[in-house]
Amino acid sequence: MSSSLPPQAAPAPAGVLVVGAGPTGLLLAGDLAAAGVRVTLVEKRAQESNLTRAFAVHARTLETFDARGIAEALIATGSFTPGVRFFGRGGIDMTRLPTRFPGVLLTPQYETERVLEERALKAGAVLRRGAEVTGLRQDADGVDVEIRTADGAAETLRAAYAVGADGVRSAVRKALGLPFPGKSVLRSVMLADVRLDTAPPGLPAFRGVKEGFAFLVPFGDGYYRAIAWVHGSDLPSTAPVDFEELKAVTRAAFGTDFGMHDPRWTSRFHSDERQVPRYREGRVFLAGDAAHVHSPAGGLGMNTGLQDAANLSWKLAAVLKGTAPESLLDSYHDERHPVGKLVLRVSGAIVRGVLLTSPVTRRLRDTAALAAVSLPFAANRGALVVSGIGISYPAPPGSHPLTGRRAPDLPLAERAGEPTRLYEALRAGTHVRVLPREAGAPPRQETGVTTVTRADARRTALLVRPDGYVAEARELG
């Protein structure tokens, strides 16, 4: 955990180049622009794409959006489900999570991108579409990124730092020469947006059988996302989806295809488990799928990438504005690499459970899963990890137990024109110092810190980082 906040005068902000305008890159660019950092976002796609794989937004991500004032805008685009189901009757109930957002928001990824792009552009980020990265060099003072524009012209962009948020086939990662060790877990998974004559019960609906598995989730506009896999399928990702095969595996899983018809979009993908060994290489950072990729089980991928961005953005801004030492940037890898490793382990365990084919092992799996979620401790721990609420960062020895943990959305003392809860105060983009109600002295103002007073009677003082994690905590009297 790092909380360096030397009250120094900030020099003119230097720039950051973010590669990739998916959710991770857009959140990062929006944060940097909101902090007054010059940021250019380059995206290979010339136009927005309706291609969407992610649709689950977990509670911790919604808290992150709440701290930026955009949670309600995203919530309006989707619907909540009380949890996630993996196999049989086993699943995780999110309704008892200690958060304002107990559950999982189901909304297409393009809605998440739209909300984040609007915020980033409004804050002043420059978005350049149709710009493909062809090379990268760095020196002691900055990074040169070579791009090829939509009209074929070559150009070099220079920035103080660069971030590769450009997905599993990251051009930035390849330019750095970093390995991406791992393996494919599922090959030739079918995706489709379809209409159904009959809505499946208990949405989102998932079922795995010996023939494969099928998953259905509503988008709220009359279409459903269908995800299906046929055991033994090994077609390339470029192979067209056979709609009859999609319906057949759905019928095998559910006993019906629910009158599936009118696909508006189909695709295939391979699901890999990979993680880059280093998230930082000099002045270049990797985030999201460029740094780690795993199975879609549990809906963890996009959410993990967004948390990468939230962790890195404030650190880059603080270093570039001269309010923190450059060494702070090392903590990005130290804090986020273990989280990526955890997500690989969790999603991998889920997908391997799904892929069991023996009737005996499947029955044992279902029994074990149901028993696990029936135990309060196990069920609660599972919900905390999958939702992101339970993720914490290492703290120095001897620190207060709250150090490194996610800060809850504490109610604040009511004062005219001031925030009424902690995550409203975090919208300032600064550290937030939370003083006990009876601290005995008026809130003192510090450079780069917003000071507030908690409304409850607890005597714990907190310094909360801009990403909503506790940097310092101490008990007063």
Protein backbone atom coordinates (compact mmCIF):
# COMPACT_ATOMS: atom_id res chain seq x y z
CA MET A 1 0.00 0.00 0.00
CA SER A 2 1.28 3.43 -0.88
CA SER A 3 -0.21 6.72 0.24
CA SER A 4 2.53 9.25 -0.46
CA LEU A 5 1.03 12.72 -0.59
CA PRO A 6 3.85 15.28 -0.41
CA PRO A 7 2.30 18.77 -0.64
CA GLN A 8 4.37 19.88 -3.61
CA ALA A 9 3.45 22.33 -6.33
CA ALA A 10 2.34 20.42 -9.42
CA PRO A 11 4.20 21.04 -12.66
CA ALA A 12 2.34 21.19 -15.96
CA PRO A 13 0.85 17.75 -16.59
CA ALA A 14 2.62 15.53 -19.08
CA GLY A 15 0.76 13.18 -21.40
CA VAL A 16 -0.29 9.56 -21.37
CA LEU A 17 -1.05 7.50 -24.45
CA VAL A 18 -3.66 4.79 -23.91
CA VAL A 19 -3.95 2.09 -26.56
CA GLY A 20 -7.36 0.43 -26.79
CA ALA A 21 -10.80 2.02 -26.40
CA GLY A 22 -12.51 -0.88 -24.67
CA PRO A 23 -13.86 -0.49 -21.12
CA THR A 24 -10.40 -0.61 -19.49
CA GLY A 25 -8.84 2.02 -21.75
CA LEU A 26 -11.88 4.28 -21.61
CA LEU A 27 -12.05 4.31 -17.80
CA LEU A 28 -8.31 4.96 -17.57
CA ALA A 29 -8.43 7.79 -20.13
CA GLY A 30 -11.44 9.36 -18.43
CA ASP A 31 -9.75 9.29 -15.04
CA LEU A 32 -6.57 10.84 -16.38
CA ALA A 33 -8.40 13.56 -18.28
CA ALA A 34 -10.55 14.36 -15.24
CA ALA A 35 -7.33 14.75 -13.22
CA GLY A 36 -6.03 17.31 -15.70
CA VAL A 37 -3.57 15.00 -17.47
CA ARG A 38 -3.30 15.23 -21.24
CA VAL A 39 -4.36 11.87 -22.59
CA THR A 40 -4.73 10.48 -26.10
CA LEU A 41 -6.65 7.26 -26.65
CA VAL A 42 -5.93 5.33 -29.86
CA GLU A 43 -8.19 2.57 -31.12
CA LYS A 44 -7.67 0.23 -34.06
CA ARG A 45 -11.41 0.05 -34.81
CA ALA A 46 -12.44 2.84 -37.16
CA GLN A 47 -15.98 2.82 -35.80
CA GLU A 48 -17.76 1.62 -32.72
CA SER A 49 -18.59 -2.07 -32.82
CA ASN A 50 -21.69 -3.77 -31.46
CA LEU A 51 -19.59 -6.87 -30.84
CA THR A 52 -19.95 -7.57 -27.15
CA ARG A 53 -18.80 -10.46 -25.06
CA ALA A 54 -19.08 -9.07 -21.54
CA PHE A 55 -22.47 -8.35 -20.04
CA ALA A 56 -22.03 -8.77 -16.26
CA VAL A 57 -21.11 -5.72 -14.19
CA HIS A 58 -20.28 -6.68 -10.63
CA ALA A 59 -20.83 -4.71 -7.45
CA ARG A 60 -17.27 -3.43 -7.03
CA THR A 61 -17.29 -2.09 -10.58
CA LEU A 62 -20.57 -0.30 -9.90
CA GLU A 63 -19.00 1.23 -6.79
CA THR A 64 -16.10 2.38 -8.97
CA PHE A 65 -18.58 3.96 -11.38
CA ASP A 66 -20.48 5.50 -8.46
CA ALA A 67 -17.27 7.22 -7.35
CA ARG A 68 -17.24 8.82 -10.81
CA GLY A 69 -20.91 9.75 -10.89
CA ILE A 70 -21.83 7.38 -13.74
CA ALA A 71 -23.29 4.32 -11.99
CA GLU A 72 -26.90 5.40 -12.39
CA ALA A 73 -26.45 6.05 -16.12
CA LEU A 74 -25.20 2.49 -16.64
CA ILE A 75 -27.81 0.91 -14.37
CA ALA A 76 -30.53 2.51 -16.52
CA THR A 77 -29.35 0.41 -19.49
CA GLY A 78 -29.79 -3.02 -17.91
CA SER A 79 -31.36 -5.13 -15.20
CA PHE A 80 -30.17 -6.73 -11.99
CA THR A 81 -29.95 -10.44 -11.27
CA PRO A 82 -29.47 -11.65 -7.69
CA GLY A 83 -26.38 -13.72 -8.38
CA VAL A 84 -24.53 -16.11 -10.66
CA ARG A 85 -25.18 -19.81 -11.22
CA PHE A 86 -22.42 -22.14 -12.30
CA PHE A 87 -23.84 -25.66 -12.49
CA GLY A 88 -26.75 -27.63 -11.10
CA ARG A 89 -28.30 -25.69 -8.26
CA GLY A 90 -24.93 -24.32 -7.20
CA GLY A 91 -24.47 -20.58 -7.45
CA ILE A 92 -23.55 -17.46 -5.55
CA ASP A 93 -26.13 -15.15 -3.99
CA MET A 94 -25.05 -11.50 -4.25
CA THR A 95 -28.09 -9.98 -2.57
CA ARG A 96 -26.50 -9.85 0.90
CA LEU A 97 -23.32 -8.07 -0.14
CA PRO A 98 -22.46 -5.00 2.00
CA THR A 99 -22.86 -2.51 -0.85
CA ARG A 100 -25.38 -0.17 -2.47
CA PHE A 101 -25.36 -2.55 -5.45
CA PRO A 102 -26.21 -6.06 -4.18
CA GLY A 103 -26.50 -8.18 -7.29
CA VAL A 104 -25.10 -8.33 -10.80
CA LEU A 105 -26.04 -5.75 -13.44
CA LEU A 106 -26.72 -7.34 -16.83
CA THR A 107 -26.06 -4.94 -19.68
CA PRO A 108 -24.24 -5.23 -23.03
CA GLN A 109 -20.59 -4.24 -23.05
CA TYR A 110 -21.28 -1.59 -25.67
CA GLU A 111 -23.46 0.25 -23.13
CA THR A 112 -20.58 0.24 -20.65
CA GLU A 113 -18.27 1.56 -23.37
CA ARG A 114 -20.77 4.25 -24.35
CA VAL A 115 -21.08 5.59 -20.80
CA LEU A 116 -17.31 5.53 -20.28
CA GLU A 117 -16.57 7.14 -23.66
CA GLU A 118 -19.00 9.99 -23.02
CA ARG A 119 -17.29 10.66 -19.68
CA ALA A 120 -13.77 10.50 -21.14
CA LEU A 121 -14.52 12.84 -24.03
CA LYS A 122 -16.35 15.29 -21.77
CA ALA A 123 -13.31 15.37 -19.48
CA GLY A 124 -11.05 16.24 -22.42
CA ALA A 125 -9.54 12.95 -23.56
CA VAL A 126 -8.68 12.81 -27.27
CA LEU A 127 -9.95 9.67 -29.04
CA ARG A 128 -8.36 8.66 -32.33
CA ARG A 129 -10.11 5.78 -34.06
CA GLY A 130 -8.68 3.86 -36.98
CA ALA A 131 -5.17 4.12 -35.52
CA GLU A 132 -3.25 0.85 -35.44
CA VAL A 133 -0.09 0.53 -33.34
CA THR A 134 2.84 -0.67 -35.45
CA GLY A 135 5.77 -0.09 -33.11
CA LEU A 136 6.89 1.25 -29.74
CA ARG A 137 10.13 2.64 -28.32
CA GLN A 138 10.88 4.15 -24.94
CA ASP A 139 13.72 6.11 -23.39
CA ALA A 140 14.41 7.76 -20.05
CA ASP A 141 12.01 10.62 -20.76
CA GLY A 142 9.09 9.13 -22.62
CA VAL A 143 7.51 6.66 -25.02
CA ASP A 144 7.21 6.85 -28.81
CA VAL A 145 4.30 4.90 -30.26
CA GLU A 146 4.17 4.41 -34.00
CA ILE A 147 0.70 4.21 -35.54
CA ARG A 148 -0.79 3.71 -38.96
CA THR A 149 -3.92 5.80 -39.54
CA ALA A 150 -7.04 4.76 -41.43
CA ASP A 151 -5.74 6.36 -44.64
CA GLY A 152 -2.46 4.43 -44.40
CA ALA A 153 -0.32 7.31 -43.15
CA ALA A 154 2.45 6.62 -40.61
CA GLU A 155 2.71 8.77 -37.51
CA THR A 156 4.61 8.76 -34.23
CA LEU A 157 2.96 9.84 -30.98
CA ARG A 158 5.06 10.68 -27.93
CA ALA A 159 3.96 10.67 -24.31
CA ALA A 160 5.48 10.45 -20.87
CA TYR A 161 3.83 7.05 -20.31
CA ALA A 162 1.86 4.56 -22.38
CA VAL A 163 -0.71 1.97 -21.36
CA GLY A 164 -1.61 -1.06 -23.44
CA ALA A 165 -5.28 -1.82 -22.89
CA ASP A 166 -5.60 -3.33 -26.34
CA GLY A 167 -6.83 -6.80 -25.53
CA VAL A 168 -5.62 -10.37 -25.77
CA ARG A 169 -3.76 -9.73 -29.05
CA SER A 170 -2.14 -6.60 -27.61
CA ALA A 171 0.18 -4.85 -30.05
CA VAL A 172 1.75 -3.04 -27.10
CA ARG A 173 2.59 -6.28 -25.30
CA LYS A 174 4.07 -7.73 -28.49
CA ALA A 175 6.14 -4.58 -29.08
CA LEU A 176 7.55 -4.93 -25.56
CA GLY A 177 8.49 -8.53 -26.30
CA LEU A 178 6.73 -9.78 -23.18
CA PRO A 179 5.60 -13.41 -23.06
CA PHE A 180 1.95 -14.29 -22.47
CA PRO A 181 2.18 -17.79 -21.00
CA GLY A 182 -0.87 -19.99 -20.64
CA LYS A 183 -3.15 -22.18 -22.73
CA SER A 184 -6.53 -22.44 -24.40
CA VAL A 185 -9.25 -23.85 -22.15
CA LEU A 186 -12.28 -23.73 -24.45
CA ARG A 187 -12.10 -23.66 -28.22
CA SER A 188 -14.79 -22.56 -30.63
CA VAL A 189 -17.33 -21.13 -28.18
CA MET A 190 -20.38 -19.87 -30.08
CA LEU A 191 -21.88 -16.45 -29.40
CA ALA A 192 -25.12 -15.07 -30.80
CA ASP A 193 -27.68 -12.37 -30.11
CA VAL A 194 -31.07 -13.98 -30.68
CA ARG A 195 -34.78 -13.61 -30.07
CA LEU A 196 -36.72 -16.21 -28.10
CA ASP A 197 -40.40 -17.12 -28.26
CA THR A 198 -40.36 -18.13 -24.59
CA ALA A 199 -38.27 -16.59 -21.83
CA PRO A 200 -36.16 -19.13 -19.88
CA PRO A 201 -36.98 -19.39 -16.18
CA GLY A 202 -34.47 -18.18 -13.63
CA LEU A 203 -32.48 -15.79 -15.79
CA PRO A 204 -29.62 -15.73 -16.47
CA ALA A 205 -30.04 -19.38 -17.49
CA PHE A 206 -27.08 -21.75 -17.60
CA ARG A 207 -26.90 -25.49 -17.93
CA GLY A 208 -24.12 -27.91 -18.79
CA VAL A 209 -24.64 -31.45 -20.06
CA LYS A 210 -22.38 -34.10 -21.57
CA GLU A 211 -22.93 -32.63 -25.05
CA GLY A 212 -21.68 -29.20 -23.98
CA PHE A 213 -23.27 -26.18 -22.33
CA ALA A 214 -25.62 -23.30 -23.09
CA PHE A 215 -26.07 -19.92 -21.43
CA LEU A 216 -28.81 -17.34 -22.03
CA VAL A 217 -29.01 -13.80 -20.67
CA PRO A 218 -31.44 -11.01 -21.63
CA PHE A 219 -30.20 -7.69 -23.00
CA GLY A 220 -33.44 -5.85 -22.22
CA ASP A 221 -34.18 -4.91 -25.84
CA GLY A 222 -35.94 -8.14 -26.83
CA TYR A 223 -32.70 -9.96 -27.64
CA TYR A 224 -30.83 -12.55 -25.61
CA ARG A 225 -27.13 -13.31 -25.59
CA ALA A 226 -26.64 -17.02 -26.26
CA ILE A 227 -23.29 -18.60 -25.40
CA ALA A 228 -22.88 -22.26 -26.27
CA TRP A 229 -20.15 -24.84 -26.63
CA VAL A 230 -20.25 -28.30 -28.15
CA HIS A 231 -17.98 -30.87 -26.52
CA GLY A 232 -15.04 -31.64 -28.81
CA SER A 233 -15.58 -28.70 -31.14
CA ASP A 234 -12.32 -27.37 -32.56
CA LEU A 235 -13.37 -25.02 -35.35
CA PRO A 236 -11.31 -21.83 -35.78
CA SER A 237 -12.64 -18.54 -34.42
CA THR A 238 -13.19 -17.39 -38.01
CA ALA A 239 -15.61 -20.24 -38.77
CA PRO A 240 -19.26 -19.14 -39.12
CA VAL A 241 -21.70 -20.17 -36.41
CA ASP A 242 -24.09 -22.92 -37.47
CA PHE A 243 -27.38 -21.64 -36.05
CA GLU A 244 -28.89 -25.14 -36.08
CA GLU A 245 -25.95 -26.41 -34.03
CA LEU A 246 -26.49 -23.55 -31.56
CA LYS A 247 -30.14 -24.49 -31.16
CA ALA A 248 -29.30 -28.19 -30.85
CA VAL A 249 -26.90 -27.74 -27.93
CA THR A 250 -29.41 -25.40 -26.26
CA ARG A 251 -32.08 -28.10 -26.57
CA ALA A 252 -29.65 -30.68 -25.17
CA ALA A 253 -28.98 -28.46 -22.16
CA PHE A 254 -32.49 -27.18 -21.41
CA GLY A 255 -34.79 -29.61 -23.18
CA THR A 256 -35.91 -26.76 -25.46
CA ASP A 257 -34.39 -24.02 -27.56
CA PHE A 258 -37.10 -21.59 -26.36
CA GLY A 259 -38.09 -20.83 -29.96
CA MET A 260 -34.69 -19.29 -30.76
CA HIS A 261 -34.77 -17.24 -33.97
CA ASP A 262 -33.59 -14.09 -35.82
CA PRO A 263 -29.89 -13.95 -34.87
CA ARG A 264 -28.65 -10.39 -35.41
CA TRP A 265 -25.01 -11.21 -34.73
CA THR A 266 -22.94 -14.39 -34.36
CA SER A 267 -19.30 -15.09 -33.63
CA ARG A 268 -16.89 -17.65 -32.21
CA PHE A 269 -14.01 -17.26 -29.81
CA HIS A 270 -11.38 -19.30 -28.03
CA SER A 271 -11.15 -18.93 -24.26
CA ASP A 272 -7.57 -18.79 -22.99
CA GLU A 273 -5.98 -18.62 -19.57
CA ARG A 274 -2.92 -16.38 -19.75
CA GLN A 275 -1.14 -13.74 -17.69
CA VAL A 276 1.83 -11.56 -18.52
CA PRO A 277 4.62 -11.86 -15.93
CA ARG A 278 5.05 -8.10 -15.53
CA TYR A 279 2.37 -5.41 -15.73
CA ARG A 280 5.03 -2.68 -16.01
CA GLU A 281 7.95 -2.40 -18.39
CA GLY A 282 9.70 0.94 -17.85
CA ARG A 283 7.26 3.67 -18.89
CA VAL A 284 4.76 1.24 -20.38
CA PHE A 285 1.98 -0.56 -18.53
CA LEU A 286 -0.44 -3.33 -19.46
CA ALA A 287 -4.02 -3.54 -18.24
CA GLY A 288 -7.14 -5.62 -18.85
CA ASP A 289 -6.99 -8.46 -21.37
CA ALA A 290 -3.58 -7.26 -22.55
CA ALA A 291 -2.27 -8.32 -19.14
CA HIS A 292 -4.50 -11.26 -18.24
CA VAL A 293 -7.18 -13.28 -19.97
CA HIS A 294 -9.32 -16.10 -18.64
CA SER A 295 -12.56 -17.97 -19.21
CA PRO A 296 -15.83 -16.02 -19.15
CA ALA A 297 -17.02 -18.08 -16.19
CA GLY A 298 -18.28 -15.80 -13.44
CA GLY A 299 -18.20 -12.70 -15.64
CA LEU A 300 -14.89 -11.56 -14.17
CA GLY A 301 -12.89 -10.41 -17.20
CA MET A 302 -14.17 -6.91 -17.95
CA ASN A 303 -14.59 -6.15 -14.26
CA THR A 304 -10.99 -7.09 -13.49
CA GLY A 305 -9.74 -4.87 -16.30
CA LEU A 306 -11.77 -1.93 -15.03
CA GLN A 307 -10.25 -2.36 -11.59
CA ASP A 308 -6.79 -2.40 -13.19
CA ALA A 309 -7.60 0.98 -14.72
CA ALA A 310 -8.92 2.43 -11.46
CA ASN A 311 -5.76 1.34 -9.66
CA LEU A 312 -3.36 2.73 -12.26
CA SER A 313 -5.04 6.00 -13.23
CA TRP A 314 -4.67 7.91 -9.97
CA LYS A 315 -1.07 6.78 -9.60
CA LEU A 316 -0.12 8.02 -13.06
CA ALA A 317 -1.91 11.30 -12.41
CA ALA A 318 -0.18 11.80 -9.06
CA VAL A 319 3.29 11.14 -10.50
CA LEU A 320 2.75 13.34 -13.55
CA LYS A 321 1.43 16.21 -11.42
CA GLY A 322 4.37 15.92 -9.02
CA THR A 323 2.41 14.94 -5.92
CA ALA A 324 3.86 11.44 -5.61
CA PRO A 325 7.24 9.82 -6.35
CA GLU A 326 7.74 7.82 -9.53
CA SER A 327 8.23 4.69 -7.41
CA LEU A 328 4.49 4.73 -6.67
CA LEU A 329 3.95 3.27 -10.15
CA ASP A 330 5.63 0.02 -9.13
CA SER A 331 2.71 -0.66 -6.79
CA TYR A 332 0.43 -1.15 -9.80
CA HIS A 333 2.03 -4.49 -10.63
CA ASP A 334 2.47 -5.39 -6.96
CA GLU A 335 -1.24 -4.91 -6.26
CA ARG A 336 -2.93 -5.99 -9.48
CA HIS A 337 -0.84 -8.98 -10.62
CA PRO A 338 -1.93 -11.12 -7.63
CA VAL A 339 -5.56 -10.18 -8.34
CA GLY A 340 -5.22 -11.29 -11.95
CA LYS A 341 -3.73 -14.56 -10.73
CA LEU A 342 -6.66 -15.05 -8.33
CA VAL A 343 -9.19 -14.42 -11.09
CA LEU A 344 -7.45 -16.97 -13.31
CA ARG A 345 -7.70 -19.50 -10.51
CA VAL A 346 -11.39 -18.81 -9.73
CA SER A 347 -12.66 -18.68 -13.30
CA GLY A 348 -10.53 -21.71 -14.19
CA ALA A 349 -12.05 -23.78 -11.38
CA ILE A 350 -15.56 -22.85 -12.53
CA VAL A 351 -14.99 -23.69 -16.18
CA ARG A 352 -13.31 -27.01 -15.38
CA GLY A 353 -16.33 -27.92 -13.31
CA VAL A 354 -18.57 -27.08 -16.25
CA LEU A 355 -16.54 -29.27 -18.62
CA LEU A 356 -16.90 -32.50 -16.64
CA THR A 357 -18.53 -35.16 -18.83
CA SER A 358 -18.85 -38.23 -16.61
CA PRO A 359 -22.36 -38.51 -15.06
CA VAL A 360 -20.80 -39.62 -11.78
CA THR A 361 -18.34 -36.73 -11.52
CA ARG A 362 -21.04 -34.27 -12.60
CA ARG A 363 -23.33 -35.48 -9.79
CA LEU A 364 -20.47 -35.22 -7.30
CA ARG A 365 -19.70 -31.71 -8.58
CA ASP A 366 -23.33 -30.58 -8.23
CA THR A 367 -23.57 -32.03 -4.73
CA ALA A 368 -20.32 -30.41 -3.64
CA ALA A 369 -21.29 -27.05 -5.15
CA LEU A 370 -24.69 -27.08 -3.44
CA ALA A 371 -23.09 -28.03 -0.12
CA ALA A 372 -20.52 -25.25 -0.44
CA VAL A 373 -23.04 -22.49 -1.10
CA SER A 374 -25.15 -23.78 1.79
CA LEU A 375 -22.32 -22.96 4.21
CA PRO A 376 -22.61 -19.27 5.19
CA PHE A 377 -18.85 -18.66 5.36
CA ALA A 378 -18.13 -20.29 1.99
CA ALA A 379 -21.10 -18.61 0.31
CA ASN A 380 -20.14 -15.20 1.69
CA ARG A 381 -16.50 -15.61 0.72
CA GLY A 382 -17.46 -16.63 -2.81
CA ALA A 383 -19.74 -13.60 -3.20
CA LEU A 384 -17.05 -11.23 -1.92
CA VAL A 385 -14.40 -12.55 -4.33
CA VAL A 386 -16.56 -12.80 -7.46
CA SER A 387 -18.15 -9.39 -6.87
CA GLY A 388 -14.77 -7.77 -6.21
CA ILE A 389 -15.96 -6.41 -2.86
CA GLY A 390 -13.60 -8.73 -0.99
CA ILE A 391 -10.47 -7.90 -3.00
CA SER A 392 -7.78 -6.20 -0.91
CA TYR A 393 -4.17 -5.11 -1.37
CA PRO A 394 -1.05 -5.87 0.70
CA ALA A 395 -0.42 -3.56 3.64
CA PRO A 396 2.87 -2.83 5.47
CA PRO A 397 3.53 -4.91 8.60
CA GLY A 398 1.90 -3.45 11.68
CA SER A 399 -0.75 -1.55 9.71
CA HIS A 400 -4.30 -1.11 10.93
CA PRO A 401 -6.46 -4.09 9.83
CA LEU A 402 -8.44 -1.85 7.46
CA THR A 403 -5.36 -0.77 5.50
CA GLY A 404 -5.46 -2.13 1.97
CA ARG A 405 -9.12 -3.05 2.12
CA ARG A 406 -11.96 -1.61 0.08
CA ALA A 407 -13.56 1.31 1.91
CA PRO A 408 -17.32 0.94 2.46
CA ASP A 409 -19.60 3.76 1.36
CA LEU A 410 -19.74 5.48 4.75
CA PRO A 411 -22.47 8.02 5.51
CA LEU A 412 -21.02 11.48 6.12
CA ALA A 413 -22.08 14.29 8.41
CA GLU A 414 -24.66 16.44 6.69
CA ARG A 415 -23.40 19.86 5.70
CA ALA A 416 -24.98 22.12 3.13
CA GLY A 417 -23.59 21.55 -0.35
CA GLU A 418 -21.24 18.76 0.73
CA PRO A 419 -21.33 15.04 -0.10
CA THR A 420 -23.49 12.84 2.10
CA ARG A 421 -21.53 9.61 1.64
CA LEU A 422 -17.95 8.59 0.97
CA TYR A 423 -18.32 7.59 -2.69
CA GLU A 424 -19.81 10.98 -3.48
CA ALA A 425 -16.73 12.56 -1.88
CA LEU A 426 -14.50 10.35 -4.05
CA ARG A 427 -15.92 12.05 -7.14
CA ALA A 428 -13.43 14.85 -6.50
CA GLY A 429 -10.76 12.43 -7.75
CA THR A 430 -8.55 13.01 -4.71
CA HIS A 431 -7.65 11.11 -1.58
CA VAL A 432 -10.40 11.50 1.00
CA ARG A 433 -9.58 11.90 4.69
CA VAL A 434 -12.46 10.68 6.85
CA LEU A 435 -12.45 12.06 10.41
CA PRO A 436 -14.55 10.78 13.31
CA ARG A 437 -17.62 12.82 14.14
CA GLU A 438 -16.17 13.81 17.52
CA ALA A 439 -12.60 14.46 16.38
CA GLY A 440 -12.50 17.62 18.47
CA ALA A 441 -11.21 19.90 15.70
CA PRO A 442 -12.70 21.24 12.47
CA PRO A 443 -11.71 19.38 9.28
CA ARG A 444 -8.33 20.57 8.08
CA GLN A 445 -7.68 21.02 4.38
CA GLU A 446 -4.63 19.41 2.73
CA THR A 447 -3.29 19.68 -0.79
CA GLY A 448 -4.76 16.90 -2.91
CA VAL A 449 -7.01 15.66 -0.10
CA THR A 450 -10.73 16.12 0.46
CA THR A 451 -11.53 16.08 4.17
CA VAL A 452 -14.94 14.91 5.41
CA THR A 453 -16.51 13.82 8.69
CA ARG A 454 -18.22 10.47 9.16
CA ALA A 455 -21.79 10.48 10.43
CA ASP A 456 -21.60 7.39 12.62
CA ALA A 457 -20.08 7.15 16.09
CA ARG A 458 -17.01 5.10 15.09
CA ARG A 459 -13.68 6.60 16.17
CA THR A 460 -11.71 5.29 13.18
CA ALA A 461 -10.00 7.91 11.02
CA LEU A 462 -9.31 6.89 7.41
CA LEU A 463 -7.32 8.10 4.46
CA VAL A 464 -9.03 6.65 1.39
CA ARG A 465 -7.25 6.48 -1.96
CA PRO A 466 -8.97 7.76 -5.12
CA ASP A 467 -9.70 4.15 -6.12
CA GLY A 468 -11.67 3.58 -2.92
CA TYR A 469 -9.10 1.56 -0.93
CA VAL A 470 -7.90 2.46 2.55
CA ALA A 471 -4.38 3.91 2.51
CA GLU A 472 -4.22 4.60 6.25
CA ALA A 473 -6.42 3.97 9.26
CA ARG A 474 -6.09 4.71 12.96
CA GLU A 475 -8.24 4.67 16.05
CA LEU A 476 -8.70 7.97 17.88
CA GLY A 477 -9.17 7.66 21.62
